[in-house]
Amino acid sequence: MLRFAIKLTRAPGAMNDADVEDLRSAGFSDRDILDIVEVVGYFAYANRIADGLGIETESWIPD
């Protein structure tokens, strides 16, 4: 799952059917895979919005 999430984050255009099949082989359901993709996509979106607006992180969040 983590390899999938990292690849989706760093190289989304390189994702292929084999990536999904690897998750299925590891026991993830299609719903699980959808959840993984949605969480990765949401964080990518939210981080780009924050970066684009120049939002600073809270002081209690480590760098």
Protein backbone atom coordinates (compact mmCIF):
# COMPACT_ATOMS: atom_id res chain seq x y z
CA MET A 1 0.00 0.00 0.00
CA LEU A 2 2.77 2.44 0.86
CA ARG A 3 4.68 1.72 -2.35
CA PHE A 4 1.44 2.35 -4.26
CA ALA A 5 0.80 5.62 -2.40
CA ILE A 6 4.36 6.84 -2.94
CA LYS A 7 4.23 6.03 -6.65
CA LEU A 8 0.85 7.74 -7.01
CA THR A 9 2.27 10.80 -5.27
CA ARG A 10 5.59 11.01 -7.12
CA ALA A 11 4.70 9.65 -10.57
CA PRO A 12 0.93 9.56 -11.07
CA GLY A 13 1.27 9.20 -14.83
CA ALA A 14 3.25 5.99 -14.37
CA MET A 15 0.46 4.16 -12.54
CA ASN A 16 -0.82 1.07 -14.34
CA ASP A 17 -3.07 -1.95 -13.93
CA ALA A 18 -0.27 -3.94 -12.32
CA ASP A 19 -0.14 -1.46 -9.42
CA VAL A 20 -3.79 -2.10 -8.66
CA GLU A 21 -3.38 -5.85 -9.11
CA ASP A 22 -0.51 -5.83 -6.59
CA LEU A 23 -2.86 -4.36 -4.00
CA ARG A 24 -5.57 -6.89 -4.82
CA SER A 25 -3.01 -9.69 -4.48
CA ALA A 26 -2.09 -8.32 -1.07
CA GLY A 27 -5.73 -8.62 0.02
CA PHE A 28 -7.04 -5.10 -0.58
CA SER A 29 -10.58 -4.85 -1.90
CA ASP A 30 -11.58 -2.50 -4.69
CA ARG A 31 -13.18 -0.27 -2.04
CA ASP A 32 -9.89 -0.26 -0.09
CA ILE A 33 -8.01 0.72 -3.24
CA LEU A 34 -10.49 3.52 -3.92
CA ASP A 35 -10.00 4.78 -0.36
CA ILE A 36 -6.22 4.74 -0.78
CA VAL A 37 -6.41 6.69 -4.05
CA GLU A 38 -8.86 9.20 -2.59
CA VAL A 39 -6.70 9.87 0.48
CA VAL A 40 -3.52 10.26 -1.58
CA GLY A 41 -5.34 12.52 -4.04
CA TYR A 42 -6.90 14.62 -1.31
CA PHE A 43 -3.60 15.25 0.44
CA ALA A 44 -1.92 16.14 -2.87
CA TYR A 45 -4.74 18.59 -3.58
CA ALA A 46 -4.77 20.12 -0.10
CA ASN A 47 -0.99 20.51 -0.01
CA ARG A 48 -0.93 22.21 -3.41
CA ILE A 49 -3.66 24.61 -2.35
CA ALA A 50 -1.76 25.46 0.83
CA ASP A 51 1.54 25.81 -1.04
CA GLY A 52 -0.05 27.91 -3.77
CA LEU A 53 -1.54 30.29 -1.24
CA GLY A 54 1.65 30.46 0.81
CA ILE A 55 -0.02 29.05 3.92
CA GLU A 56 2.48 28.43 6.68
CA THR A 57 2.28 25.33 8.84
CA GLU A 58 1.30 25.65 12.47
CA SER A 59 4.20 26.17 14.85
CA TRP A 60 3.52 22.84 16.58
CA ILE A 61 4.00 20.87 13.34
CA PRO A 62 7.63 19.76 12.89
CA ASP A 63 9.35 20.42 9.55
